Amino acid sequence: MAAKSEDGAPPGRMMECHECGLRHTVRVLPDGTTARCVRCGATLHRFRASSLDHAFAYACAGLVFFLMATFLPFISLEISGRVQTASLVTGAVVLYGQGLWELAAVVALTMFVAPALRLGTLVLVLGGLRLRRRPRWLPALYRWAVMLGPWAMIEVYLLGVFVAYVKLIDLATVVVGPGLYSVGALMLAIIAAGTALDTETVWREFERRGLVPPVPPVDPYRPACLCHICGLVSNLPAGGQGGCPRCGAALHRRRPDSLTRTWALVITAIILYIPANLFPVMTVISLGSGAPDTIMSGVIELADSGMWPLAALVFFASITVPVLKLIGLILLLVSTQRGATRRLRDRTVLYRIVEAVGRWSMIDIFMISILVALVQLGELATIEPGIGAVSFAAVVVITMIAAMTFDPRLMWDAAGENHD
């Protein structure tokens, strides 16, 4: 579970596993130690003495790379003497100009707005902690940085750019600019910052610096719950409702109406998945004639061109992942409602996978945004987005929200493993 400190320090504070609900007393951890749940294996706390310094350095580097990716030449397409250049935001702008504002909003949020805001907030928070007079709004700002994390998809966007590049190299000359290399460096910086940073370490630093109130001890004879925002375990107020004493978020023993909301989102995603596969996601028009492409026809086209690894990647991300994610969520919902007691740890791991892989289905959407931005050559060649892309983007977003809405601790509650 947790390691005992080398100097025999007394027990630290109570922590609750956010995946199975088991309570632990986690001692002060030595540098480089990770505390894991003894029941489901989820990570409770990772202590790195220099994690805040490293995360701050990575976030600053990421912000520099983001500015470079935005303002430096990104990617250009040359065909029959005509040149079309795209920047980091051209895809979203073109999608909006063609009337698909919903798709433009999703692309802009996930590959530009969310990464920029996350990096900016991390730099402000971690940099603010280094000041003598630390702003009181740092904890509130950090809450936003945490919430933006799942929606910053630079690594998925980069893979979408690679798929678009492979599709175009046989048709025209593709020139990669320094802006694209900056996106690769940005991806590495974001991953490094996320790996170095531990949420519990940040909140304890806020507490040590006097930016949040001292954590009150937990009374074992009163009901307690886990804060969904900062991870603190604290006693519920007498009326059963109130705010977290550390971050001020509303306290709930379990996510409100978790099963009902997740079912509603899953059913909505299933309905939208049908037009996402039946309607074209884009139409390629060349010399006045064109043919629409669905998700599956795009995979077949890649396979027919001999690009089997890429075809397998797109098939897995755009076909297999959404289907398996929906099946996985339905399995979790049904087993929870039936109070199933078998394979609880395996179902918790399944939830962990479902929550992690859903964002990778955005590869097709990012690929379309790049192709639409580059192939706007009038009568020579044009690519237009289709309504199927809007439905598919909605499926990806809704299934991500469904995984966030589902509370895996309910599986253990229904099986009688949690008694609080």
Protein backbone atom coordinates (compact mmCIF):
# COMPACT_ATOMS: atom_id res chain seq x y z
CA MET A 1 0.00 0.00 0.00
CA ALA A 2 2.22 2.77 1.28
CA ALA A 3 5.81 2.75 2.42
CA LYS A 4 6.81 3.66 5.94
CA SER A 5 9.24 6.56 6.14
CA GLU A 6 12.83 5.72 6.92
CA ASP A 7 12.88 7.83 10.09
CA GLY A 8 9.86 6.05 11.57
CA ALA A 9 7.46 8.93 11.03
CA PRO A 10 3.95 8.44 12.41
CA PRO A 11 1.04 7.60 10.12
CA GLY A 12 0.20 10.38 7.70
CA ARG A 13 -3.40 10.92 6.72
CA MET A 14 -6.35 8.92 5.57
CA MET A 15 -6.78 8.45 1.81
CA GLU A 16 -9.55 6.75 -0.12
CA CYS A 17 -9.06 4.85 -3.35
CA HIS A 18 -10.98 6.68 -6.07
CA GLU A 19 -11.59 3.41 -7.93
CA CYS A 20 -12.74 0.95 -5.25
CA GLY A 21 -13.44 3.15 -2.19
CA LEU A 22 -11.07 1.38 0.24
CA ARG A 23 -9.69 3.63 2.98
CA HIS A 24 -5.96 3.64 3.72
CA THR A 25 -3.72 5.40 6.20
CA VAL A 26 -0.84 6.55 4.03
CA ARG A 27 2.36 7.29 5.90
CA VAL A 28 4.86 9.98 4.97
CA LEU A 29 6.49 8.62 1.83
CA PRO A 30 10.21 8.58 1.11
CA ASP A 31 11.29 10.26 -2.11
CA GLY A 32 10.48 8.15 -5.16
CA THR A 33 7.84 6.04 -3.40
CA THR A 34 4.36 5.33 -4.74
CA ALA A 35 1.39 4.33 -2.59
CA ARG A 36 -1.07 1.95 -4.27
CA CYS A 37 -4.41 0.56 -3.21
CA VAL A 38 -3.99 -2.91 -1.72
CA ARG A 39 -7.34 -4.01 -3.12
CA CYS A 40 -7.46 -2.79 -6.75
CA GLY A 41 -3.93 -1.53 -7.41
CA ALA A 42 -4.88 2.08 -8.22
CA THR A 43 -2.27 4.77 -7.51
CA LEU A 44 -3.09 6.79 -4.39
CA HIS A 45 -0.07 9.08 -4.12
CA ARG A 46 3.36 9.40 -5.74
CA PHE A 47 5.90 11.43 -3.84
CA ARG A 48 8.78 12.99 -5.76
CA ALA A 49 10.74 15.60 -3.80
CA SER A 50 11.54 17.58 -6.97
CA SER A 51 8.29 16.90 -8.85
CA LEU A 52 7.06 20.51 -8.65
CA ASP A 53 10.35 21.89 -9.97
CA HIS A 54 10.47 19.38 -12.81
CA ALA A 55 6.82 19.92 -13.74
CA PHE A 56 7.34 23.70 -13.76
CA ALA A 57 10.33 23.36 -16.09
CA TYR A 58 8.41 21.05 -18.45
CA ALA A 59 5.36 23.33 -18.45
CA CYS A 60 7.50 26.39 -19.27
CA ALA A 61 9.19 24.49 -22.10
CA GLY A 62 5.80 23.33 -23.34
CA LEU A 63 4.50 26.89 -23.42
CA VAL A 64 7.50 27.97 -25.51
CA PHE A 65 6.97 25.07 -27.92
CA PHE A 66 3.27 25.93 -28.13
CA LEU A 67 4.06 29.49 -29.19
CA MET A 68 6.54 28.17 -31.75
CA ALA A 69 3.99 25.71 -33.13
CA THR A 70 1.43 28.51 -33.43
CA PHE A 71 3.57 31.10 -35.22
CA LEU A 72 6.15 29.08 -37.19
CA PRO A 73 5.37 27.52 -40.62
CA PHE A 74 3.41 24.32 -39.95
CA ILE A 75 2.78 22.25 -43.09
CA SER A 76 2.35 23.00 -46.79
CA LEU A 77 0.96 21.11 -49.78
CA GLU A 78 2.21 21.65 -53.34
CA ILE A 79 0.42 20.17 -56.36
CA SER A 80 0.60 21.22 -60.02
CA GLY A 81 2.32 24.46 -59.11
CA ARG A 82 -0.22 25.49 -56.50
CA VAL A 83 0.73 25.75 -52.84
CA GLN A 84 -1.61 25.57 -49.85
CA THR A 85 -0.24 26.29 -46.38
CA ALA A 86 -1.88 25.38 -43.08
CA SER A 87 -1.15 26.60 -39.56
CA LEU A 88 -2.04 24.96 -36.28
CA VAL A 89 -5.51 26.53 -36.26
CA THR A 90 -6.32 26.49 -40.00
CA GLY A 91 -8.27 23.24 -39.75
CA ALA A 92 -10.67 24.60 -37.13
CA VAL A 93 -11.07 27.87 -39.06
CA VAL A 94 -11.89 26.07 -42.33
CA LEU A 95 -14.36 23.74 -40.61
CA TYR A 96 -16.13 26.75 -39.12
CA GLY A 97 -16.17 28.48 -42.49
CA GLN A 98 -17.85 25.46 -44.06
CA GLY A 99 -20.69 25.57 -41.53
CA LEU A 100 -19.57 22.72 -39.24
CA TRP A 101 -19.10 24.91 -36.19
CA GLU A 102 -19.67 21.96 -33.83
CA LEU A 103 -16.74 20.07 -35.33
CA ALA A 104 -14.63 23.23 -35.42
CA ALA A 105 -15.33 23.81 -31.73
CA VAL A 106 -14.30 20.26 -30.75
CA VAL A 107 -11.07 20.46 -32.80
CA ALA A 108 -10.18 23.92 -31.51
CA LEU A 109 -10.89 22.95 -27.88
CA THR A 110 -8.91 19.72 -27.86
CA MET A 111 -5.83 20.67 -29.90
CA PHE A 112 -5.47 24.38 -29.17
CA VAL A 113 -7.56 25.87 -26.35
CA ALA A 114 -7.25 23.07 -23.75
CA PRO A 115 -3.47 22.52 -24.21
CA ALA A 116 -2.82 26.28 -24.09
CA LEU A 117 -4.94 26.82 -20.98
CA ARG A 118 -3.52 23.76 -19.22
CA LEU A 119 0.07 24.80 -19.85
CA GLY A 120 -0.69 28.40 -18.94
CA THR A 121 -2.42 27.49 -15.68
CA LEU A 122 0.33 25.05 -14.70
CA VAL A 123 2.99 27.72 -15.31
CA LEU A 124 1.02 30.26 -13.24
CA VAL A 125 0.33 27.81 -10.39
CA LEU A 126 3.78 26.23 -10.14
CA GLY A 127 5.50 29.56 -10.76
CA GLY A 128 3.25 31.27 -8.21
CA LEU A 129 4.29 28.75 -5.56
CA ARG A 130 7.87 29.97 -5.99
CA LEU A 131 6.99 33.59 -5.11
CA ARG A 132 7.38 35.10 -1.66
CA ARG A 133 3.84 36.46 -1.70
CA ARG A 134 1.78 33.72 -3.28
CA PRO A 135 -1.58 34.66 -4.83
CA ARG A 136 -4.58 33.26 -2.97
CA TRP A 137 -6.21 32.16 -6.23
CA LEU A 138 -3.61 29.51 -7.04
CA PRO A 139 -5.70 26.56 -5.69
CA ALA A 140 -8.77 27.62 -7.71
CA LEU A 141 -6.63 27.93 -10.84
CA TYR A 142 -5.10 24.50 -10.27
CA ARG A 143 -8.57 22.96 -10.19
CA TRP A 144 -9.02 24.22 -13.75
CA ALA A 145 -5.67 22.77 -14.81
CA VAL A 146 -6.71 19.32 -13.55
CA MET A 147 -10.10 19.46 -15.28
CA LEU A 148 -8.51 20.47 -18.59
CA GLY A 149 -6.07 17.53 -18.54
CA PRO A 150 -8.22 14.90 -20.34
CA TRP A 151 -9.21 17.38 -23.06
CA ALA A 152 -5.69 18.43 -24.07
CA MET A 153 -5.03 15.99 -26.95
CA ILE A 154 -1.81 17.16 -28.57
CA GLU A 155 -0.43 13.61 -28.78
CA VAL A 156 -3.60 12.39 -30.53
CA TYR A 157 -3.50 15.41 -32.85
CA LEU A 158 0.10 14.63 -33.81
CA LEU A 159 -0.89 11.09 -34.74
CA GLY A 160 -3.77 12.49 -36.82
CA VAL A 161 -1.30 14.73 -38.65
CA PHE A 162 0.86 11.68 -39.39
CA VAL A 163 -2.14 9.80 -40.87
CA ALA A 164 -3.02 12.83 -43.02
CA TYR A 165 0.62 13.09 -44.16
CA VAL A 166 0.65 9.46 -45.27
CA LYS A 167 -2.58 9.98 -47.21
CA LEU A 168 -1.15 13.01 -49.03
CA ILE A 169 2.43 12.06 -49.88
CA ASP A 170 1.39 9.96 -52.90
CA LEU A 171 -0.81 12.75 -54.27
CA ALA A 172 1.34 15.85 -53.84
CA THR A 173 4.50 17.28 -52.32
CA VAL A 174 4.11 17.79 -48.57
CA VAL A 175 6.52 20.21 -46.89
CA VAL A 176 6.85 19.89 -43.12
CA GLY A 177 7.69 23.15 -41.37
CA PRO A 178 9.37 23.80 -38.00
CA GLY A 179 5.94 24.37 -36.46
CA LEU A 180 5.15 20.67 -36.81
CA TYR A 181 8.41 19.68 -35.12
CA SER A 182 7.46 22.10 -32.35
CA VAL A 183 4.18 20.19 -31.91
CA GLY A 184 6.21 17.01 -31.37
CA ALA A 185 8.34 18.73 -28.74
CA LEU A 186 5.17 20.15 -27.18
CA MET A 187 3.71 16.67 -26.92
CA LEU A 188 6.80 15.42 -25.08
CA ALA A 189 6.74 18.41 -22.71
CA ILE A 190 3.06 17.89 -21.85
CA ILE A 191 3.57 14.17 -21.21
CA ALA A 192 6.64 14.87 -19.06
CA ALA A 193 4.82 17.53 -17.02
CA GLY A 194 1.85 15.21 -16.45
CA THR A 195 4.13 12.34 -15.43
CA ALA A 196 6.15 14.48 -13.01
CA LEU A 197 3.15 16.10 -11.35
CA ASP A 198 1.16 14.44 -8.56
CA THR A 199 -2.10 16.14 -7.58
CA GLU A 200 -1.83 15.24 -3.90
CA THR A 201 1.69 16.71 -3.75
CA VAL A 202 0.41 20.00 -5.19
CA TRP A 203 -2.45 20.25 -2.68
CA ARG A 204 -0.14 19.46 0.22
CA GLU A 205 2.17 22.23 -1.00
CA PHE A 206 -0.81 24.61 -1.03
CA GLU A 207 -1.51 23.54 2.54
CA ARG A 208 2.11 24.00 3.60
CA ARG A 209 2.19 27.48 2.08
CA GLY A 210 -1.01 28.51 3.85
CA LEU A 211 -3.08 28.83 0.64
CA VAL A 212 -5.70 26.34 1.86
CA PRO A 213 -6.87 25.61 5.42
CA PRO A 214 -5.05 22.90 7.42
CA VAL A 215 -6.56 19.48 6.87
CA PRO A 216 -8.77 18.50 9.85
CA PRO A 217 -8.38 14.99 11.28
CA VAL A 218 -10.98 12.44 10.20
CA ASP A 219 -13.35 11.27 12.93
CA PRO A 220 -13.73 7.50 12.40
CA TYR A 221 -17.16 7.56 14.08
CA ARG A 222 -18.68 10.05 11.61
CA PRO A 223 -19.46 9.58 7.89
CA ALA A 224 -16.59 10.64 5.64
CA CYS A 225 -16.15 10.93 1.89
CA LEU A 226 -13.57 11.59 -0.79
CA CYS A 227 -13.45 14.98 -2.53
CA HIS A 228 -13.69 14.38 -6.28
CA ILE A 229 -11.54 17.44 -7.00
CA CYS A 230 -8.56 17.42 -4.62
CA GLY A 231 -8.76 13.85 -3.26
CA LEU A 232 -9.06 14.80 0.43
CA VAL A 233 -10.96 12.47 2.75
CA SER A 234 -12.96 14.49 5.28
CA ASN A 235 -16.04 14.10 7.44
CA LEU A 236 -19.37 15.04 5.96
CA PRO A 237 -21.18 17.96 7.64
CA ALA A 238 -24.06 17.16 9.98
CA GLY A 239 -26.66 17.72 7.25
CA GLY A 240 -24.85 15.45 4.81
CA GLN A 241 -24.04 18.30 2.42
CA GLY A 242 -21.25 20.84 2.38
CA GLY A 243 -17.94 21.82 0.85
CA CYS A 244 -14.49 20.28 0.96
CA PRO A 245 -12.45 21.92 3.74
CA ARG A 246 -9.39 21.99 1.49
CA CYS A 247 -10.62 23.10 -1.96
CA GLY A 248 -14.24 24.12 -1.34
CA ALA A 249 -15.79 21.72 -3.89
CA ALA A 250 -19.20 20.19 -3.14
CA LEU A 251 -18.88 16.89 -1.27
CA HIS A 252 -20.70 13.73 -2.36
CA ARG A 253 -20.12 10.26 -1.02
CA ARG A 254 -20.52 9.00 -4.59
CA ARG A 255 -20.95 10.87 -7.86
CA PRO A 256 -24.60 12.02 -7.98
CA ASP A 257 -26.88 9.86 -10.17
CA SER A 258 -23.82 8.13 -11.59
CA LEU A 259 -25.56 5.10 -13.11
CA THR A 260 -28.51 7.02 -14.54
CA ARG A 261 -26.33 9.66 -16.16
CA THR A 262 -23.90 7.12 -17.54
CA TRP A 263 -26.73 5.07 -19.06
CA ALA A 264 -28.16 8.20 -20.70
CA LEU A 265 -24.78 9.10 -22.19
CA VAL A 266 -24.09 5.55 -23.38
CA ILE A 267 -27.48 5.30 -25.12
CA THR A 268 -26.92 8.69 -26.75
CA ALA A 269 -23.50 7.58 -28.00
CA ILE A 270 -24.94 4.36 -29.45
CA ILE A 271 -27.59 6.33 -31.35
CA LEU A 272 -25.00 8.75 -32.74
CA TYR A 273 -22.60 5.98 -33.66
CA ILE A 274 -24.99 4.76 -36.37
CA PRO A 275 -24.91 7.95 -38.54
CA ALA A 276 -21.20 8.32 -37.72
CA ASN A 277 -20.56 5.11 -39.70
CA LEU A 278 -23.29 5.43 -42.34
CA PHE A 279 -22.74 9.03 -43.43
CA PRO A 280 -19.53 10.28 -45.07
CA VAL A 281 -16.90 11.87 -42.85
CA MET A 282 -15.41 13.68 -45.85
CA THR A 283 -15.70 14.02 -49.63
CA VAL A 284 -12.69 14.24 -51.94
CA ILE A 285 -13.48 16.32 -55.04
CA SER A 286 -10.91 16.20 -57.87
CA LEU A 287 -11.43 17.89 -61.27
CA GLY A 288 -15.09 18.46 -60.56
CA SER A 289 -16.00 14.93 -59.43
CA GLY A 290 -15.67 13.24 -56.11
CA ALA A 291 -16.67 10.35 -53.92
CA PRO A 292 -17.64 10.42 -50.24
CA ASP A 293 -15.58 8.52 -47.69
CA THR A 294 -16.91 6.86 -44.56
CA ILE A 295 -14.70 5.78 -41.66
CA MET A 296 -14.56 2.19 -42.95
CA SER A 297 -13.90 3.18 -46.55
CA GLY A 298 -10.95 5.25 -45.34
CA VAL A 299 -9.53 2.20 -43.60
CA ILE A 300 -10.04 0.09 -46.74
CA GLU A 301 -8.31 2.75 -48.85
CA LEU A 302 -5.27 2.70 -46.59
CA ALA A 303 -5.17 -1.12 -46.73
CA ASP A 304 -5.51 -1.17 -50.54
CA SER A 305 -2.56 1.24 -50.72
CA GLY A 306 -0.42 -1.26 -48.85
CA MET A 307 -0.37 0.79 -45.61
CA TRP A 308 -1.51 -2.08 -43.43
CA PRO A 309 -0.02 -0.84 -40.13
CA LEU A 310 -1.66 2.56 -40.55
CA ALA A 311 -4.94 0.98 -41.65
CA ALA A 312 -4.86 -1.23 -38.54
CA LEU A 313 -4.15 1.82 -36.35
CA VAL A 314 -7.07 3.82 -37.78
CA PHE A 315 -9.38 0.78 -37.60
CA PHE A 316 -8.46 0.21 -33.97
CA ALA A 317 -8.82 3.86 -32.94
CA SER A 318 -11.96 4.70 -34.94
CA ILE A 319 -13.88 1.41 -35.05
CA THR A 320 -12.64 -0.95 -32.34
CA VAL A 321 -12.09 1.52 -29.49
CA PRO A 322 -15.55 3.19 -29.61
CA VAL A 323 -17.33 -0.18 -29.85
CA LEU A 324 -15.32 -1.80 -27.07
CA LYS A 325 -15.69 1.30 -24.93
CA LEU A 326 -19.48 1.21 -25.25
CA ILE A 327 -19.53 -2.54 -24.57
CA GLY A 328 -17.23 -2.06 -21.57
CA LEU A 329 -19.40 0.69 -20.08
CA ILE A 330 -22.55 -1.40 -20.57
CA LEU A 331 -20.85 -4.37 -18.86
CA LEU A 332 -19.83 -2.18 -15.92
CA LEU A 333 -23.30 -0.68 -15.60
CA VAL A 334 -25.15 -4.01 -15.79
CA SER A 335 -22.81 -5.81 -13.39
CA THR A 336 -23.09 -2.94 -10.90
CA GLN A 337 -26.89 -2.84 -11.03
CA ARG A 338 -27.06 -6.62 -10.59
CA GLY A 339 -24.69 -6.48 -7.60
CA ALA A 340 -22.18 -8.85 -9.18
CA THR A 341 -19.48 -9.98 -6.74
CA ARG A 342 -17.08 -11.76 -9.09
CA ARG A 343 -13.95 -10.32 -10.76
CA LEU A 344 -14.25 -6.94 -9.09
CA ARG A 345 -10.57 -6.13 -9.57
CA ASP A 346 -10.74 -7.13 -13.25
CA ARG A 347 -13.77 -4.88 -13.77
CA THR A 348 -11.92 -2.03 -12.09
CA VAL A 349 -9.00 -2.52 -14.48
CA LEU A 350 -11.52 -2.56 -17.35
CA TYR A 351 -12.85 0.81 -16.17
CA ARG A 352 -9.30 2.15 -15.99
CA ILE A 353 -8.70 1.11 -19.62
CA VAL A 354 -12.05 2.48 -20.82
CA GLU A 355 -11.29 5.84 -19.22
CA ALA A 356 -7.80 6.01 -20.73
CA VAL A 357 -8.29 4.95 -24.37
CA GLY A 358 -11.37 6.89 -25.43
CA ARG A 359 -9.54 10.06 -26.45
CA TRP A 360 -7.50 8.20 -29.10
CA SER A 361 -10.60 7.88 -31.29
CA MET A 362 -10.12 11.56 -32.17
CA ILE A 363 -7.40 10.55 -34.66
CA ASP A 364 -9.89 10.53 -37.56
CA ILE A 365 -11.29 13.94 -36.62
CA PHE A 366 -7.85 15.53 -36.44
CA MET A 367 -6.87 13.89 -39.73
CA ILE A 368 -9.95 15.38 -41.40
CA SER A 369 -9.16 18.85 -40.01
CA ILE A 370 -5.66 18.69 -41.54
CA LEU A 371 -6.86 17.40 -44.91
CA VAL A 372 -9.62 20.01 -45.11
CA ALA A 373 -7.13 22.76 -44.27
CA LEU A 374 -4.56 21.67 -46.88
CA VAL A 375 -6.63 20.43 -49.81
CA GLN A 376 -8.47 23.60 -50.79
CA LEU A 377 -7.21 23.96 -54.37
CA GLY A 378 -10.41 24.93 -56.15
CA GLU A 379 -11.32 22.82 -59.19
CA LEU A 380 -8.00 20.97 -58.98
CA ALA A 381 -8.70 19.24 -55.67
CA THR A 382 -10.83 19.95 -52.62
CA ILE A 383 -11.72 17.98 -49.51
CA GLU A 384 -14.98 18.79 -47.77
CA PRO A 385 -15.94 17.50 -44.30
CA GLY A 386 -19.11 15.42 -43.93
CA ILE A 387 -21.87 15.20 -41.36
CA GLY A 388 -20.59 11.77 -40.30
CA ALA A 389 -17.53 13.48 -38.79
CA VAL A 390 -19.78 15.60 -36.56
CA SER A 391 -21.59 12.48 -35.28
CA PHE A 392 -18.33 10.64 -34.71
CA ALA A 393 -16.79 13.55 -32.78
CA ALA A 394 -19.94 13.64 -30.64
CA VAL A 395 -19.57 9.90 -29.93
CA VAL A 396 -15.96 10.39 -28.76
CA VAL A 397 -16.81 13.34 -26.51
CA ILE A 398 -19.93 11.70 -25.04
CA THR A 399 -18.18 8.40 -24.26
CA MET A 400 -15.35 10.31 -22.56
CA ILE A 401 -17.90 12.14 -20.39
CA ALA A 402 -19.70 8.83 -19.71
CA ALA A 403 -16.47 7.27 -18.40
CA MET A 404 -15.92 10.31 -16.17
CA THR A 405 -19.52 10.14 -14.89
CA PHE A 406 -19.38 6.46 -13.94
CA ASP A 407 -18.23 5.93 -10.36
CA PRO A 408 -16.30 2.61 -10.17
CA ARG A 409 -16.65 2.53 -6.39
CA LEU A 410 -20.32 1.66 -6.91
CA MET A 411 -19.22 -1.78 -8.17
CA TRP A 412 -17.58 -2.48 -4.83
CA ASP A 413 -20.52 -0.97 -2.93
CA ALA A 414 -22.98 -3.22 -4.79
CA ALA A 415 -20.87 -6.27 -4.01
CA GLY A 416 -20.93 -5.42 -0.29
CA GLU A 417 -17.21 -4.65 -0.05
CA ASN A 418 -17.63 -1.08 1.28
CA HIS A 419 -19.51 -0.61 4.55
CA ASP A 420 -19.19 3.14 5.21
